[in-house]
Amino acid sequence: FLEPVNTALAPGYTDVIKHPMDFGTMTTKVERGRYRSLEEFANDFKLVTTNAKTYNPPNTIYHTEANRIE
């Protein structure tokens, strides 16, 4: 969740996930003042977890952790 998904290690990721997001990118956006509201930040956070659950099957560590942090 911390860095962008390495698409070399995640076959088909860009076919499934059209709007990638990760916490590192979110941190950069915060540092650069790119969020105009808490809602924009929350939407990106939700995108991180939704993407993880969309790409990864249930019962994988990524899917499980996405559920846990939501």
N, C-alpha and C. Protein backbone atom coordinates (compact mmCIF):
# COMPACT_ATOMS: atom_id res chain seq x y z
N PHE A 1 0.81 -1.20 0.00
CA PHE A 1 0.00 0.00 0.00
C PHE A 1 0.86 1.27 0.00
N LEU A 2 2.10 1.13 0.40
CA LEU A 2 2.95 2.30 0.58
C LEU A 2 3.46 2.89 -0.72
N GLU A 3 3.71 2.05 -1.71
CA GLU A 3 4.26 2.50 -2.98
C GLU A 3 3.37 2.05 -4.13
N PRO A 4 3.52 2.67 -5.29
CA PRO A 4 2.74 2.21 -6.45
C PRO A 4 2.99 0.72 -6.71
N VAL A 5 1.96 0.05 -7.19
CA VAL A 5 2.08 -1.38 -7.51
C VAL A 5 3.11 -1.57 -8.61
N ASN A 6 3.99 -2.53 -8.42
CA ASN A 6 4.98 -2.88 -9.45
C ASN A 6 4.26 -3.76 -10.46
N THR A 7 3.92 -3.19 -11.60
CA THR A 7 3.12 -3.92 -12.59
C THR A 7 3.88 -5.10 -13.20
N ALA A 8 5.20 -5.12 -13.07
CA ALA A 8 5.96 -6.28 -13.53
C ALA A 8 5.68 -7.50 -12.65
N LEU A 9 5.28 -7.24 -11.41
CA LEU A 9 4.98 -8.32 -10.47
C LEU A 9 3.49 -8.57 -10.31
N ALA A 10 2.67 -7.75 -10.97
CA ALA A 10 1.22 -7.87 -10.85
C ALA A 10 0.60 -7.92 -12.25
N PRO A 11 0.62 -9.09 -12.87
CA PRO A 11 0.13 -9.21 -14.24
C PRO A 11 -1.32 -8.74 -14.39
N GLY A 12 -1.56 -7.95 -15.41
CA GLY A 12 -2.91 -7.47 -15.71
C GLY A 12 -3.41 -6.36 -14.81
N TYR A 13 -2.56 -5.86 -13.93
CA TYR A 13 -3.01 -4.84 -12.97
C TYR A 13 -3.61 -3.63 -13.69
N THR A 14 -2.94 -3.16 -14.71
CA THR A 14 -3.43 -1.96 -15.41
C THR A 14 -4.68 -2.25 -16.24
N ASP A 15 -4.96 -3.50 -16.52
CA ASP A 15 -6.20 -3.86 -17.20
C ASP A 15 -7.38 -3.81 -16.24
N VAL A 16 -7.12 -4.12 -14.98
CA VAL A 16 -8.17 -4.20 -13.97
C VAL A 16 -8.33 -2.88 -13.22
N ILE A 17 -7.23 -2.24 -12.88
CA ILE A 17 -7.24 -1.03 -12.06
C ILE A 17 -6.96 0.18 -12.95
N LYS A 18 -7.97 1.01 -13.12
CA LYS A 18 -7.84 2.17 -14.02
C LYS A 18 -7.32 3.42 -13.31
N HIS A 19 -7.44 3.48 -11.99
CA HIS A 19 -7.00 4.66 -11.23
C HIS A 19 -6.17 4.21 -10.03
N PRO A 20 -4.90 3.86 -10.26
CA PRO A 20 -4.05 3.40 -9.15
C PRO A 20 -3.83 4.51 -8.11
N MET A 21 -3.68 4.09 -6.87
CA MET A 21 -3.37 5.02 -5.79
C MET A 21 -2.65 4.25 -4.71
N ASP A 22 -1.76 4.93 -4.00
CA ASP A 22 -1.00 4.33 -2.90
C ASP A 22 -0.71 5.42 -1.87
N PHE A 23 -0.30 4.99 -0.68
CA PHE A 23 -0.08 5.95 0.40
C PHE A 23 1.13 6.85 0.16
N GLY A 24 2.11 6.38 -0.58
CA GLY A 24 3.26 7.23 -0.92
C GLY A 24 2.84 8.39 -1.80
N THR A 25 2.01 8.09 -2.78
CA THR A 25 1.48 9.15 -3.66
C THR A 25 0.62 10.11 -2.86
N MET A 26 -0.17 9.57 -1.94
CA MET A 26 -1.00 10.43 -1.10
C MET A 26 -0.13 11.35 -0.24
N THR A 27 0.95 10.83 0.31
CA THR A 27 1.86 11.64 1.12
C THR A 27 2.43 12.79 0.29
N THR A 28 2.84 12.49 -0.92
CA THR A 28 3.37 13.53 -1.82
C THR A 28 2.30 14.58 -2.09
N LYS A 29 1.07 14.15 -2.31
CA LYS A 29 -0.02 15.10 -2.56
C LYS A 29 -0.26 16.00 -1.35
N VAL A 30 -0.16 15.43 -0.14
CA VAL A 30 -0.30 16.24 1.08
C VAL A 30 0.82 17.27 1.16
N GLU A 31 2.05 16.81 0.96
CA GLU A 31 3.21 17.71 1.04
C GLU A 31 3.14 18.84 0.03
N ARG A 32 2.55 18.58 -1.11
CA ARG A 32 2.45 19.59 -2.16
C ARG A 32 1.15 20.38 -2.13
N GLY A 33 0.33 20.14 -1.11
CA GLY A 33 -0.92 20.88 -0.97
C GLY A 33 -1.93 20.57 -2.06
N ARG A 34 -1.93 19.35 -2.55
CA ARG A 34 -2.79 18.99 -3.67
C ARG A 34 -4.22 18.64 -3.26
N TYR A 35 -4.43 18.37 -1.97
CA TYR A 35 -5.79 18.08 -1.51
C TYR A 35 -6.46 19.38 -1.10
N ARG A 36 -7.62 19.63 -1.66
CA ARG A 36 -8.37 20.84 -1.32
C ARG A 36 -9.38 20.60 -0.21
N SER A 37 -9.60 19.32 0.10
CA SER A 37 -10.56 19.01 1.16
C SER A 37 -10.25 17.64 1.76
N LEU A 38 -10.79 17.41 2.93
CA LEU A 38 -10.65 16.11 3.57
C LEU A 38 -11.35 15.04 2.73
N GLU A 39 -12.40 15.43 2.05
CA GLU A 39 -13.13 14.49 1.20
C GLU A 39 -12.24 13.95 0.07
N GLU A 40 -11.44 14.82 -0.54
CA GLU A 40 -10.52 14.37 -1.60
C GLU A 40 -9.51 13.37 -1.04
N PHE A 41 -9.00 13.65 0.15
CA PHE A 41 -8.06 12.74 0.81
C PHE A 41 -8.74 11.40 1.10
N ALA A 42 -9.94 11.45 1.65
CA ALA A 42 -10.68 10.23 1.98
C ALA A 42 -10.99 9.42 0.72
N ASN A 43 -11.28 10.10 -0.38
CA ASN A 43 -11.55 9.40 -1.64
C ASN A 43 -10.31 8.64 -2.12
N ASP A 44 -9.14 9.25 -1.99
CA ASP A 44 -7.91 8.56 -2.39
C ASP A 44 -7.63 7.38 -1.46
N PHE A 45 -7.88 7.56 -0.17
CA PHE A 45 -7.69 6.45 0.77
C PHE A 45 -8.60 5.28 0.39
N LYS A 46 -9.84 5.59 0.09
CA LYS A 46 -10.80 4.55 -0.32
C LYS A 46 -10.35 3.89 -1.61
N LEU A 47 -9.77 4.66 -2.52
CA LEU A 47 -9.27 4.10 -3.77
C LEU A 47 -8.16 3.08 -3.52
N VAL A 48 -7.30 3.35 -2.56
CA VAL A 48 -6.23 2.40 -2.21
C VAL A 48 -6.85 1.06 -1.81
N THR A 49 -7.81 1.10 -0.91
CA THR A 49 -8.39 -0.15 -0.41
C THR A 49 -9.28 -0.82 -1.45
N THR A 50 -10.04 -0.05 -2.19
CA THR A 50 -10.90 -0.63 -3.23
C THR A 50 -10.06 -1.30 -4.30
N ASN A 51 -8.99 -0.65 -4.73
CA ASN A 51 -8.11 -1.25 -5.74
C ASN A 51 -7.52 -2.56 -5.23
N ALA A 52 -7.08 -2.58 -3.99
CA ALA A 52 -6.49 -3.80 -3.43
C ALA A 52 -7.50 -4.94 -3.42
N LYS A 53 -8.74 -4.63 -3.06
CA LYS A 53 -9.76 -5.67 -3.00
C LYS A 53 -10.26 -6.07 -4.38
N THR A 54 -10.19 -5.17 -5.33
CA THR A 54 -10.61 -5.48 -6.70
C THR A 54 -9.59 -6.39 -7.38
N TYR A 55 -8.33 -6.10 -7.22
CA TYR A 55 -7.29 -6.86 -7.91
C TYR A 55 -6.96 -8.19 -7.21
N ASN A 56 -6.95 -8.17 -5.89
CA ASN A 56 -6.53 -9.36 -5.13
C ASN A 56 -7.72 -10.17 -4.65
N PRO A 57 -7.65 -11.49 -4.80
CA PRO A 57 -8.76 -12.34 -4.35
C PRO A 57 -8.96 -12.27 -2.84
N PRO A 58 -10.18 -12.56 -2.38
CA PRO A 58 -10.43 -12.65 -0.94
C PRO A 58 -9.46 -13.65 -0.31
N ASN A 59 -9.20 -13.46 0.96
CA ASN A 59 -8.32 -14.32 1.75
C ASN A 59 -6.84 -14.15 1.43
N THR A 60 -6.48 -13.20 0.56
CA THR A 60 -5.07 -12.85 0.40
C THR A 60 -4.74 -11.78 1.42
N ILE A 61 -3.47 -11.63 1.74
CA ILE A 61 -3.05 -10.63 2.72
C ILE A 61 -3.46 -9.22 2.29
N TYR A 62 -3.39 -8.93 1.00
CA TYR A 62 -3.71 -7.59 0.50
C TYR A 62 -5.19 -7.29 0.65
N HIS A 63 -6.02 -8.24 0.30
CA HIS A 63 -7.47 -8.06 0.42
C HIS A 63 -7.86 -7.94 1.90
N THR A 64 -7.31 -8.83 2.71
CA THR A 64 -7.62 -8.84 4.14
C THR A 64 -7.19 -7.54 4.81
N GLU A 65 -6.00 -7.07 4.51
CA GLU A 65 -5.51 -5.83 5.12
C GLU A 65 -6.30 -4.62 4.62
N ALA A 66 -6.71 -4.63 3.37
CA ALA A 66 -7.54 -3.54 2.86
C ALA A 66 -8.85 -3.46 3.65
N ASN A 67 -9.45 -4.61 3.91
CA ASN A 67 -10.67 -4.63 4.73
C ASN A 67 -10.39 -4.12 6.13
N ARG A 68 -9.27 -4.52 6.69
CA ARG A 68 -8.95 -4.15 8.07
C ARG A 68 -8.76 -2.65 8.25
N ILE A 69 -8.14 -1.99 7.27
CA ILE A 69 -7.85 -0.56 7.45
C ILE A 69 -8.97 0.35 6.98
N GLU A 70 -9.99 -0.21 6.35
CA GLU A 70 -11.10 0.64 5.90
C GLU A 70 -11.87 1.21 7.07
